[in-house]
């Protein structure tokens, strides 16, 4: 099963990351290398935090999705059992 929710969140995070990174490339010509390395580390560290938040939110989403899915399945099974009982009762009343 493809996890579309997580893919959307990852794409959004990467878009923000690459946009931020592109701004640092503009300064690469006149900012000392030492500071560019620090900036890149800072951006990467924040990206890792963002991915952790994505994982956390995705776990919440998947948990809710599974609860809803299981509830729907229970309702389907209950309706199926009730229809089988009604059919069985109808057949037994016809035999009598």
Protein backbone atom coordinates (compact mmCIF):
# COMPACT_ATOMS: atom_id res chain seq x y z
CA UNK A 1 0.00 0.00 0.00
CA UNK A 2 1.47 3.33 -1.04
CA UNK A 3 1.47 5.88 1.71
CA UNK A 4 0.25 9.01 -0.11
CA UNK A 5 0.04 11.10 3.05
CA UNK A 6 3.70 10.62 3.89
CA UNK A 7 4.77 11.20 0.28
CA UNK A 8 2.94 14.55 0.23
CA UNK A 9 4.59 15.62 3.48
CA UNK A 10 8.05 14.55 2.28
CA UNK A 11 7.63 16.41 -1.02
CA UNK A 12 6.61 19.56 0.81
CA UNK A 13 9.60 19.30 3.16
CA UNK A 14 12.05 18.69 0.33
CA UNK A 15 10.66 21.64 -1.63
CA UNK A 16 11.30 23.90 1.37
CA UNK A 17 14.76 22.39 1.86
CA UNK A 18 15.80 22.88 -1.76
CA UNK A 19 14.43 26.42 -1.80
CA UNK A 20 16.49 27.26 1.30
CA UNK A 21 19.53 25.52 -0.15
CA UNK A 22 19.22 27.47 -3.41
CA UNK A 23 19.38 30.72 -1.44
CA UNK A 24 22.67 29.60 0.11
CA UNK A 25 24.11 28.83 -3.33
CA UNK A 26 23.62 32.46 -4.28
CA UNK A 27 25.91 33.47 -1.41
CA UNK A 28 28.56 30.81 -2.10
CA UNK A 29 30.68 33.23 -4.14
CA UNK A 30 31.25 35.85 -1.47
CA UNK A 31 30.67 34.06 1.86
CA UNK A 32 33.63 32.15 3.34
CA UNK A 33 33.51 28.37 2.92
CA UNK A 34 33.54 27.86 6.69
CA UNK A 35 30.18 29.64 7.05
CA UNK A 36 28.68 27.88 4.06
CA UNK A 37 29.51 24.55 5.70
CA UNK A 38 27.86 25.71 8.94
CA UNK A 39 24.79 26.86 7.05
CA UNK A 40 24.55 23.55 5.17
CA UNK A 41 24.81 21.60 8.43
CA UNK A 42 22.13 23.78 10.00
CA UNK A 43 19.80 23.27 7.03
CA UNK A 44 20.43 19.50 7.06
CA UNK A 45 19.82 19.32 10.82
CA UNK A 46 16.49 21.11 10.42
CA UNK A 47 15.57 18.84 7.53
CA UNK A 48 16.18 15.79 9.73
CA UNK A 49 13.92 17.32 12.40
CA UNK A 50 11.26 17.90 9.77
CA UNK A 51 11.46 14.27 8.68
CA UNK A 52 11.03 13.17 12.29
CA UNK A 53 7.93 15.35 12.54
CA UNK A 54 6.67 13.83 9.29
CA UNK A 55 7.16 10.33 10.68
CA UNK A 56 5.34 11.28 13.88
CA UNK A 57 2.41 12.83 12.01
CA UNK A 58 2.29 9.91 9.60
CA UNK A 59 2.08 7.42 12.46
CA UNK A 60 -0.88 9.38 13.86
CA UNK A 61 -2.51 9.47 10.44
CA UNK A 62 -2.00 5.74 9.85
CA UNK A 63 -3.36 4.93 13.31
CA UNK A 64 -6.55 6.93 12.67
CA UNK A 65 -6.88 5.51 9.16
CA UNK A 66 -6.60 1.94 10.46
CA UNK A 67 -9.16 2.61 13.20
CA UNK A 68 -11.64 3.94 10.65
CA UNK A 69 -10.94 1.07 8.26
CA UNK A 70 -11.43 -1.56 10.96
CA UNK A 71 -14.65 0.09 12.11
CA UNK A 72 -15.99 0.02 8.53
CA UNK A 73 -15.03 -3.65 8.21
CA UNK A 74 -16.80 -4.49 11.48
CA UNK A 75 -19.95 -2.75 10.25
CA UNK A 76 -19.81 -4.65 6.95
CA UNK A 77 -19.39 -7.99 8.74
CA UNK A 78 -22.24 -7.16 11.13
CA UNK A 79 -24.58 -6.28 8.23
CA UNK A 80 -23.57 -9.46 6.42
CA UNK A 81 -24.29 -11.60 9.50
CA UNK A 82 -27.66 -9.87 10.00
CA UNK A 83 -28.63 -10.44 6.37
CA UNK A 84 -27.63 -14.12 6.63
CA UNK A 85 -29.70 -14.48 9.82
CA UNK A 86 -32.68 -12.79 8.18
CA UNK A 87 -32.32 -15.06 5.15
CA UNK A 88 -32.04 -18.12 7.39
CA UNK A 89 -35.12 -17.06 9.37
CA UNK A 90 -37.05 -16.46 6.14
CA UNK A 91 -36.08 -19.91 4.84
CA UNK A 92 -37.00 -21.61 8.11
CA UNK A 93 -40.40 -19.85 8.24
CA UNK A 94 -41.14 -21.02 4.68
CA UNK A 95 -40.40 -24.65 5.64
CA UNK A 96 -42.81 -24.53 8.58
